[in-house]
Amino acid sequence: MTYQMNIADFFEPVDQNKLHLAQQNHPLLLGRCIRAFTERNSFPELADIDIAIMGVNEDRNSASNSGCSLAPDYVRKYLYQLYQGPFSARIADLGNIHAGNEVSDTYFAVKTVVAKLIEQNITPVIIGGGQDITYANYQAYESLGQIINIVSVDARFDIGLKKGEEPDHNNYLSAILTHKPNYLFNYANIGYQTYFTDQDAIELMEKLYFDAYRLGVVRNNMEEVEPIVRNADLLSFDMSCIRQSDAPANANASPNGFYGEEACQIVRYAGLSDKLSSIGFYEMNPAFDKGDQTAHLLAQMIWYFIDGYYHRKNDYPDKHIKESADFIKYVVSIRDFQNKINFYKSKKSNRWWLEVPCPPNMQRKYNRQFLVPCSYKDYQEACQNEIPEKWWQVYQKFV
């Protein structure tokens, strides 16, 4: 069987009537540019595709938000009505992965499809469903043999899985942390809210040298989110982290959270990242929406991701960075500190990275980890004899 036929077996076509294509006559609307798998159109050819949209109709492990499995088609309705930006989109919509006989069957379908797409340099955009699908997305990297970083935009850490339990949308991170073999290098949470978070969980994040950024701290300086997101291979976005007034479509929505435009800014940073290879949006529940407000917002968030993707600078540094003419190297000596810290600034994008010393016997395994995205602020801190926190956290994992 061909590659397309293999993954096509996991999908059901999108209902043509739900896309409102008859109302879309302009050739530059996304609805006219996306190659969609519908009842009338066969499964799309993927040879020249950059981004693949895939719905996952699974919410059995989202007991407190039952109904979020219906989100994908509601989002498509608005996504297809948006215009292309200043780019020529090469996007396929693969349809929906429907819930299997067991949740594990759905996970198997997701991890298989995501792995196949990434192998073909196609970026999956997953519309769930519950956030526990992130666990299946993570498992896709096992077959790729890749050590990865995960960034979750979420008001909670989603840990607490007990032995013998299935992962759900409130504890899937525990399943990732205990999965064998483990190929997670770093986890970062953006936007946690302290009153939703067990203090023991915060201490666990610190012990594991993971990154956790409180909502108020993030919102005070949104530009500092960019290097955090730029370090991710996989980004998982829980729609309940957006304030209820902007995104009511969630049984666990809260009065506080990100504004809609801040959510769009975060996912555009994700699109701009050369490193990021998959992204998922979860927990949107149409039963709680008001005038399809959240569906429309999520469609715009995906638009911003696509826009960022087509503005990538392709300047992610590799092991040859020291000889590269595309970067400016800055060496900072810090008082009473034996290591000098090397910073690299891209001439293409003006973005910054810092280098963490990695033992020679570990460089092959962690060849994508010791050059850490940072900001000009981190460089300024080093110049003031302060060791950047990003440097310390990665260094601790190497020693």
Protein backbone atom coordinates (compact mmCIF):
# COMPACT_ATOMS: atom_id res chain seq x y z
CA MET A 1 0.00 0.00 0.00
CA THR A 2 1.17 3.53 -0.62
CA TYR A 3 2.04 5.96 2.14
CA GLN A 4 -1.12 8.00 1.53
CA MET A 5 -3.32 4.90 1.67
CA ASN A 6 -1.80 3.83 4.96
CA ILE A 7 -2.69 6.98 6.87
CA ALA A 8 -5.91 7.50 4.91
CA ASP A 9 -7.25 4.37 6.61
CA PHE A 10 -7.39 6.24 9.92
CA PHE A 11 -9.53 9.11 8.65
CA GLU A 12 -13.15 9.80 7.87
CA PRO A 13 -13.92 12.60 5.40
CA VAL A 14 -15.16 15.99 6.50
CA ASP A 15 -18.84 16.64 5.94
CA GLN A 16 -18.92 18.96 2.92
CA ASN A 17 -22.02 20.76 4.21
CA LYS A 18 -20.25 21.80 7.43
CA LEU A 19 -17.55 23.67 5.51
CA HIS A 20 -19.96 26.16 3.89
CA LEU A 21 -17.85 26.03 0.75
CA ALA A 22 -20.75 27.09 -1.42
CA GLN A 23 -20.53 30.55 0.17
CA GLN A 24 -16.81 30.87 -0.56
CA ASN A 25 -16.17 32.13 -4.06
CA HIS A 26 -12.98 34.12 -3.65
CA PRO A 27 -9.95 32.09 -4.84
CA LEU A 28 -7.72 33.32 -1.99
CA LEU A 29 -9.93 32.07 0.82
CA LEU A 30 -8.38 29.19 2.71
CA GLY A 31 -11.46 27.15 1.92
CA ARG A 32 -10.51 27.33 -1.75
CA CYS A 33 -6.82 26.63 -1.15
CA ILE A 34 -6.88 23.77 1.36
CA ARG A 35 -6.91 20.29 -0.14
CA ALA A 36 -9.64 18.71 1.95
CA PHE A 37 -10.66 15.09 2.29
CA THR A 38 -14.45 15.23 1.85
CA GLU A 39 -17.16 12.93 0.59
CA ARG A 40 -16.59 14.37 -2.89
CA ASN A 41 -12.80 14.71 -2.80
CA SER A 42 -10.45 11.77 -2.31
CA PHE A 43 -7.70 11.72 0.29
CA PRO A 44 -5.25 14.49 -0.66
CA GLU A 45 -1.85 13.92 -2.21
CA LEU A 46 0.81 14.96 0.28
CA ALA A 47 3.96 15.19 -1.82
CA ASP A 48 4.10 19.00 -1.81
CA ILE A 49 2.19 19.74 1.40
CA ASP A 50 3.67 21.81 4.26
CA ILE A 51 0.91 21.66 6.88
CA ALA A 52 -1.69 18.95 7.52
CA ILE A 53 -4.83 19.69 9.54
CA MET A 54 -6.31 16.70 11.35
CA GLY A 55 -9.30 16.50 13.64
CA VAL A 56 -9.49 13.96 16.49
CA ASN A 57 -13.01 13.15 17.68
CA GLU A 58 -11.98 11.72 21.05
CA ASP A 59 -13.10 12.94 24.48
CA ARG A 60 -13.63 9.80 26.58
CA ASN A 61 -10.71 10.80 28.81
CA SER A 62 -12.05 14.35 29.17
CA ALA A 63 -14.87 13.45 31.53
CA SER A 64 -15.26 16.96 32.93
CA ASN A 65 -15.46 18.44 29.42
CA SER A 66 -17.47 15.82 27.55
CA GLY A 67 -18.44 17.03 24.10
CA CYS A 68 -15.07 18.52 23.09
CA SER A 69 -14.70 15.72 20.52
CA LEU A 70 -17.07 17.69 18.26
CA ALA A 71 -14.76 20.72 18.00
CA PRO A 72 -12.92 20.04 14.69
CA ASP A 73 -15.82 20.66 12.30
CA TYR A 74 -16.93 23.79 14.18
CA VAL A 75 -13.42 25.23 13.82
CA ARG A 76 -13.22 24.32 10.14
CA LYS A 77 -16.38 26.30 9.42
CA TYR A 78 -14.55 29.52 10.36
CA LEU A 79 -11.03 28.57 9.30
CA TYR A 80 -12.17 27.97 5.74
CA GLN A 81 -13.73 31.45 5.61
CA LEU A 82 -10.43 33.23 6.37
CA TYR A 83 -8.25 34.69 3.64
CA GLN A 84 -4.69 33.62 2.98
CA GLY A 85 -2.06 36.01 4.23
CA PRO A 86 0.98 37.10 2.21
CA PHE A 87 1.88 33.49 1.49
CA SER A 88 0.96 30.71 -0.86
CA ALA A 89 -0.51 28.03 1.39
CA ARG A 90 0.19 24.36 0.74
CA ILE A 91 -2.19 22.85 3.26
CA ALA A 92 -4.12 19.60 3.38
CA ASP A 93 -7.07 18.76 5.60
CA LEU A 94 -6.92 15.03 6.22
CA GLY A 95 -10.35 14.77 7.85
CA ASN A 96 -11.15 13.38 11.30
CA ILE A 97 -9.73 10.49 13.25
CA HIS A 98 -12.80 9.09 14.96
CA ALA A 99 -12.73 7.46 18.35
CA GLY A 100 -11.56 3.85 18.23
CA ASN A 101 -13.06 0.93 20.14
CA GLU A 102 -10.72 1.85 22.99
CA VAL A 103 -9.03 5.16 23.72
CA SER A 104 -5.72 3.40 23.14
CA ASP A 105 -6.85 2.72 19.56
CA THR A 106 -7.32 6.45 19.02
CA TYR A 107 -3.90 7.13 20.51
CA PHE A 108 -2.36 4.58 18.17
CA ALA A 109 -3.94 6.26 15.15
CA VAL A 110 -2.76 9.71 16.23
CA LYS A 111 0.83 8.68 16.97
CA THR A 112 1.08 6.72 13.70
CA VAL A 113 -0.23 9.56 11.56
CA VAL A 114 1.84 12.25 13.30
CA ALA A 115 5.03 10.20 12.96
CA LYS A 116 4.40 9.61 9.25
CA LEU A 117 3.72 13.29 8.62
CA ILE A 118 6.83 14.47 10.46
CA GLU A 119 8.93 11.96 8.55
CA GLN A 120 7.71 13.69 5.39
CA ASN A 121 8.53 17.18 6.79
CA ILE A 122 4.83 17.95 7.09
CA THR A 123 3.70 19.79 10.23
CA PRO A 124 0.55 18.31 11.80
CA VAL A 125 -2.01 20.74 13.24
CA ILE A 126 -4.22 18.67 15.54
CA ILE A 127 -7.69 19.88 16.49
CA GLY A 128 -9.04 17.83 19.42
CA GLY A 129 -10.66 16.46 21.45
CA GLY A 130 -9.22 16.21 24.91
CA GLN A 131 -5.72 17.38 25.81
CA ASP A 132 -4.76 13.82 26.72
CA ILE A 133 -4.21 13.42 22.95
CA THR A 134 -0.93 15.24 23.63
CA TYR A 135 0.32 11.93 25.04
CA ALA A 136 -0.33 10.23 21.69
CA ASN A 137 1.37 13.13 19.90
CA TYR A 138 4.41 12.66 22.16
CA GLN A 139 4.52 8.92 21.44
CA ALA A 140 4.92 9.70 17.72
CA TYR A 141 8.46 10.91 18.42
CA GLU A 142 9.47 7.52 19.82
CA SER A 143 9.48 5.93 16.37
CA LEU A 144 11.45 8.94 15.11
CA GLY A 145 14.14 8.34 17.74
CA GLN A 146 14.11 12.01 18.69
CA ILE A 147 14.71 13.65 22.08
CA ILE A 148 12.19 16.49 22.28
CA ASN A 149 10.97 19.50 24.22
CA ILE A 150 7.29 20.06 24.98
CA VAL A 151 5.63 23.41 25.64
CA SER A 152 2.12 23.44 27.06
CA VAL A 153 -0.01 26.58 27.18
CA ASP A 154 -2.25 25.71 30.09
CA ALA A 155 -3.62 27.04 33.37
CA ARG A 156 -2.63 23.74 35.04
CA PHE A 157 0.27 21.26 34.93
CA ASP A 158 -1.91 18.17 34.31
CA ILE A 159 -0.02 15.75 36.55
CA GLY A 160 -1.23 13.28 39.17
CA LEU A 161 -1.69 10.02 37.30
CA LYS A 162 -1.94 7.07 39.69
CA LYS A 163 -0.50 3.66 38.96
CA GLY A 164 -2.86 1.58 36.84
CA GLU A 165 -4.92 4.55 35.67
CA GLU A 166 -5.36 5.65 32.07
CA PRO A 167 -4.06 9.14 31.26
CA ASP A 168 -6.74 11.80 30.99
CA HIS A 169 -6.84 15.49 30.25
CA ASN A 170 -5.93 16.35 33.85
CA ASN A 171 -2.91 14.03 34.25
CA TYR A 172 -1.53 13.21 30.79
CA LEU A 173 1.81 14.87 31.64
CA SER A 174 2.42 12.19 34.28
CA ALA A 175 1.98 9.56 31.57
CA ILE A 176 4.59 11.35 29.48
CA LEU A 177 7.03 11.61 32.41
CA THR A 178 6.74 7.91 33.25
CA HIS A 179 6.68 6.60 29.68
CA LYS A 180 9.49 4.18 28.87
CA PRO A 181 11.68 4.82 27.02
CA ASN A 182 11.74 8.46 27.99
CA TYR A 183 12.67 10.90 25.23
CA LEU A 184 11.53 14.14 26.87
CA PHE A 185 14.39 16.55 27.50
CA ASN A 186 12.43 19.57 28.71
CA TYR A 187 8.89 20.57 29.52
CA ALA A 188 7.72 24.17 29.81
CA ASN A 189 4.35 25.44 30.96
CA ILE A 190 3.20 28.87 29.87
CA GLY A 191 0.42 30.58 31.79
CA TYR A 192 -0.25 28.41 34.85
CA GLN A 193 -2.54 29.96 37.47
CA THR A 194 -1.38 29.43 41.03
CA TYR A 195 -4.83 28.87 42.55
CA PHE A 196 -5.31 25.92 40.17
CA THR A 197 -1.89 24.46 40.94
CA ASP A 198 -0.76 22.22 43.79
CA GLN A 199 2.37 23.67 45.41
CA ASP A 200 3.89 20.18 45.38
CA ALA A 201 3.52 20.23 41.60
CA ILE A 202 5.40 23.52 41.39
CA GLU A 203 8.20 22.02 43.49
CA LEU A 204 8.27 18.97 41.20
CA MET A 205 8.74 21.22 38.17
CA GLU A 206 11.71 22.81 39.91
CA LYS A 207 13.25 19.46 40.89
CA LEU A 208 13.00 18.23 37.30
CA TYR A 209 14.54 21.51 36.04
CA PHE A 210 11.44 22.16 33.97
CA ASP A 211 10.16 25.64 33.17
CA ALA A 212 6.92 27.03 34.58
CA TYR A 213 5.77 30.58 33.85
CA ARG A 214 2.88 32.06 35.82
CA LEU A 215 0.14 33.81 33.87
CA GLY A 216 0.76 37.25 35.37
CA VAL A 217 4.51 37.09 34.70
CA VAL A 218 3.94 36.04 31.09
CA ARG A 219 1.35 38.70 30.37
CA ASN A 220 3.64 41.44 31.70
CA ASN A 221 6.12 40.74 28.90
CA MET A 222 4.67 38.67 26.07
CA GLU A 223 7.82 39.04 23.95
CA GLU A 224 9.69 36.79 26.41
CA VAL A 225 7.32 33.97 25.42
CA GLU A 226 8.96 33.77 22.00
CA PRO A 227 12.23 32.00 23.01
CA ILE A 228 10.26 29.63 25.27
CA VAL A 229 8.06 28.58 22.37
CA ARG A 230 11.03 28.53 19.98
CA ASN A 231 12.56 25.76 22.09
CA ALA A 232 9.58 23.43 21.54
CA ASP A 233 9.30 20.48 19.19
CA LEU A 234 5.69 19.94 20.25
CA LEU A 235 3.25 22.57 21.48
CA SER A 236 0.00 21.65 23.25
CA PHE A 237 -2.62 24.38 23.71
CA ASP A 238 -5.48 23.95 26.20
CA MET A 239 -8.24 26.39 25.21
CA SER A 240 -9.33 26.67 28.86
CA CYS A 241 -6.26 28.84 29.49
CA ILE A 242 -8.01 31.66 27.61
CA ARG A 243 -10.35 33.77 29.74
CA GLN A 244 -14.00 32.77 29.63
CA SER A 245 -15.15 36.08 28.15
CA ASP A 246 -12.96 35.44 25.09
CA ALA A 247 -13.35 31.65 24.85
CA PRO A 248 -16.43 30.33 26.69
CA ALA A 249 -16.43 26.92 24.94
CA ASN A 250 -15.06 24.84 27.80
CA ALA A 251 -16.73 23.30 30.83
CA ASN A 252 -13.70 24.37 32.90
CA ALA A 253 -13.39 27.91 31.57
CA SER A 254 -12.19 30.51 34.07
CA PRO A 255 -12.71 34.29 34.39
CA ASN A 256 -8.93 34.78 34.20
CA GLY A 257 -6.51 33.76 31.49
CA PHE A 258 -4.99 34.96 28.26
CA TYR A 259 -6.83 37.37 26.01
CA GLY A 260 -7.66 36.08 22.54
CA GLU A 261 -5.06 38.27 20.85
CA GLU A 262 -2.39 37.03 23.29
CA ALA A 263 -3.27 33.44 22.39
CA CYS A 264 -2.85 34.35 18.71
CA GLN A 265 0.54 35.93 19.48
CA ILE A 266 1.76 32.78 21.24
CA VAL A 267 0.82 30.46 18.39
CA ARG A 268 2.31 32.81 15.80
CA TYR A 269 5.60 32.49 17.70
CA ALA A 270 5.13 28.72 17.39
CA GLY A 271 4.64 29.04 13.66
CA LEU A 272 7.81 31.09 13.33
CA SER A 273 9.92 28.44 15.07
CA ASP A 274 11.99 26.30 12.69
CA LYS A 275 12.26 23.66 15.42
CA LEU A 276 8.57 23.09 16.09
CA SER A 277 7.23 20.07 14.21
CA SER A 278 3.73 19.52 15.63
CA ILE A 279 1.02 21.50 17.40
CA GLY A 280 -2.32 20.60 18.96
CA PHE A 281 -5.35 22.60 20.13
CA TYR A 282 -7.59 20.92 22.68
CA GLU A 283 -10.61 21.13 24.98
CA MET A 284 -12.82 23.41 22.86
CA ASN A 285 -16.37 22.28 23.63
CA PRO A 286 -19.07 23.58 21.22
CA ALA A 287 -21.80 22.87 23.79
CA PHE A 288 -20.57 25.81 25.88
CA ASP A 289 -19.83 28.22 23.05
CA LYS A 290 -21.70 31.48 22.49
CA GLY A 291 -22.35 32.33 18.87
CA ASP A 292 -19.42 30.10 17.89
CA GLN A 293 -17.10 32.70 19.44
CA THR A 294 -14.46 30.19 20.56
CA ALA A 295 -14.60 28.26 17.29
CA HIS A 296 -13.94 31.51 15.45
CA LEU A 297 -11.08 32.42 17.80
CA LEU A 298 -9.44 29.01 17.42
CA ALA A 299 -9.73 29.31 13.64
CA GLN A 300 -7.91 32.66 13.85
CA MET A 301 -5.26 31.12 16.11
CA ILE A 302 -4.59 28.45 13.49
CA TRP A 303 -4.44 31.21 10.86
CA TYR A 304 -1.74 32.95 12.92
CA PHE A 305 0.19 29.70 13.21
CA ILE A 306 0.04 29.27 9.43
CA ASP A 307 1.12 32.88 8.93
CA GLY A 308 4.09 32.37 11.26
CA TYR A 309 5.01 29.13 9.50
CA TYR A 310 5.27 30.88 6.14
CA HIS A 311 7.47 33.60 7.67
CA ARG A 312 10.06 31.21 9.07
CA LYS A 313 13.66 32.39 8.61
CA ASN A 314 15.24 28.91 8.52
CA ASP A 315 17.97 30.05 10.88
CA TYR A 316 17.82 27.36 13.54
CA PRO A 317 21.48 26.87 14.53
CA ASP A 318 23.22 23.52 14.18
CA LYS A 319 26.57 22.06 15.20
CA HIS A 320 28.32 24.16 12.54
CA ILE A 321 27.18 27.43 14.08
CA LYS A 322 30.73 28.37 15.15
CA GLU A 323 31.80 28.49 11.51
CA SER A 324 28.57 30.04 10.23
CA ALA A 325 28.57 33.51 8.71
CA ASP A 326 24.84 33.84 9.48
CA PHE A 327 25.40 34.40 13.21
CA ILE A 328 27.26 36.91 15.35
CA LYS A 329 28.98 35.34 18.34
CA TYR A 330 29.19 37.15 21.70
CA VAL A 331 31.33 35.75 24.52
CA VAL A 332 30.47 36.87 28.06
CA SER A 333 32.73 36.35 31.06
CA ILE A 334 30.96 36.35 34.39
CA ARG A 335 32.75 37.27 37.61
CA ASP A 336 33.59 34.25 39.86
CA PHE A 337 32.27 31.85 37.23
CA GLN A 338 34.67 29.49 35.48
CA ASN A 339 32.61 29.07 32.29
CA LYS A 340 32.28 31.74 29.68
CA ILE A 341 28.85 31.89 28.07
CA ASN A 342 28.61 32.02 24.29
CA PHE A 343 25.66 33.82 22.76
CA TYR A 344 24.71 33.72 19.09
CA LYS A 345 22.57 36.28 17.29
CA SER A 346 21.03 35.46 13.94
CA LYS A 347 21.66 37.99 11.19
CA LYS A 348 18.44 36.85 9.48
CA SER A 349 15.99 37.29 12.34
CA ASN A 350 17.91 39.03 15.17
CA ARG A 351 16.94 36.14 17.44
CA TRP A 352 19.31 34.91 20.14
CA TRP A 353 20.61 31.54 21.37
CA LEU A 354 22.98 30.68 24.21
CA GLU A 355 25.33 27.69 24.31
CA VAL A 356 25.43 25.32 27.26
CA PRO A 357 28.57 23.13 27.62
CA CYS A 358 27.62 19.56 26.76
CA PRO A 359 29.99 16.65 27.51
CA PRO A 360 31.44 15.22 24.26
CA ASN A 361 29.94 11.78 24.95
CA MET A 362 26.46 13.35 25.14
CA GLN A 363 26.62 15.74 22.20
CA ARG A 364 25.33 13.27 19.65
CA LYS A 365 22.28 12.39 21.76
CA TYR A 366 21.52 16.00 22.69
CA ASN A 367 22.67 17.73 19.53
CA ARG A 368 19.45 19.76 19.42
CA GLN A 369 19.48 20.74 23.10
CA PHE A 370 22.70 22.52 24.02
CA LEU A 371 21.94 25.59 21.87
CA VAL A 372 19.09 27.14 23.82
CA PRO A 373 16.78 29.86 22.47
CA CYS A 374 17.01 33.00 24.58
CA SER A 375 16.38 36.73 24.31
CA TYR A 376 18.44 39.88 24.32
CA LYS A 377 17.37 40.24 27.97
CA ASP A 378 19.28 37.04 28.81
CA TYR A 379 22.39 38.47 27.15
CA GLN A 380 21.99 41.70 29.13
CA GLU A 381 21.70 39.72 32.38
CA ALA A 382 24.92 37.87 31.60
CA CYS A 383 26.66 41.19 30.93
CA GLN A 384 25.57 42.23 34.44
CA ASN A 385 27.28 39.14 35.93
CA GLU A 386 24.04 37.19 36.29
CA ILE A 387 23.91 33.64 34.97
CA PRO A 388 20.72 33.26 32.86
CA GLU A 389 18.24 30.83 34.37
CA LYS A 390 17.88 29.09 31.00
CA TRP A 391 21.60 28.31 31.05
CA TRP A 392 21.47 26.84 34.57
CA GLN A 393 18.47 24.62 33.96
CA VAL A 394 19.94 22.99 30.88
CA TYR A 395 23.40 22.71 32.44
CA GLN A 396 21.94 20.81 35.41
CA LYS A 397 20.56 18.18 33.02
CA PHE A 398 23.99 17.57 31.52
CA VAL A 399 25.89 17.15 34.80
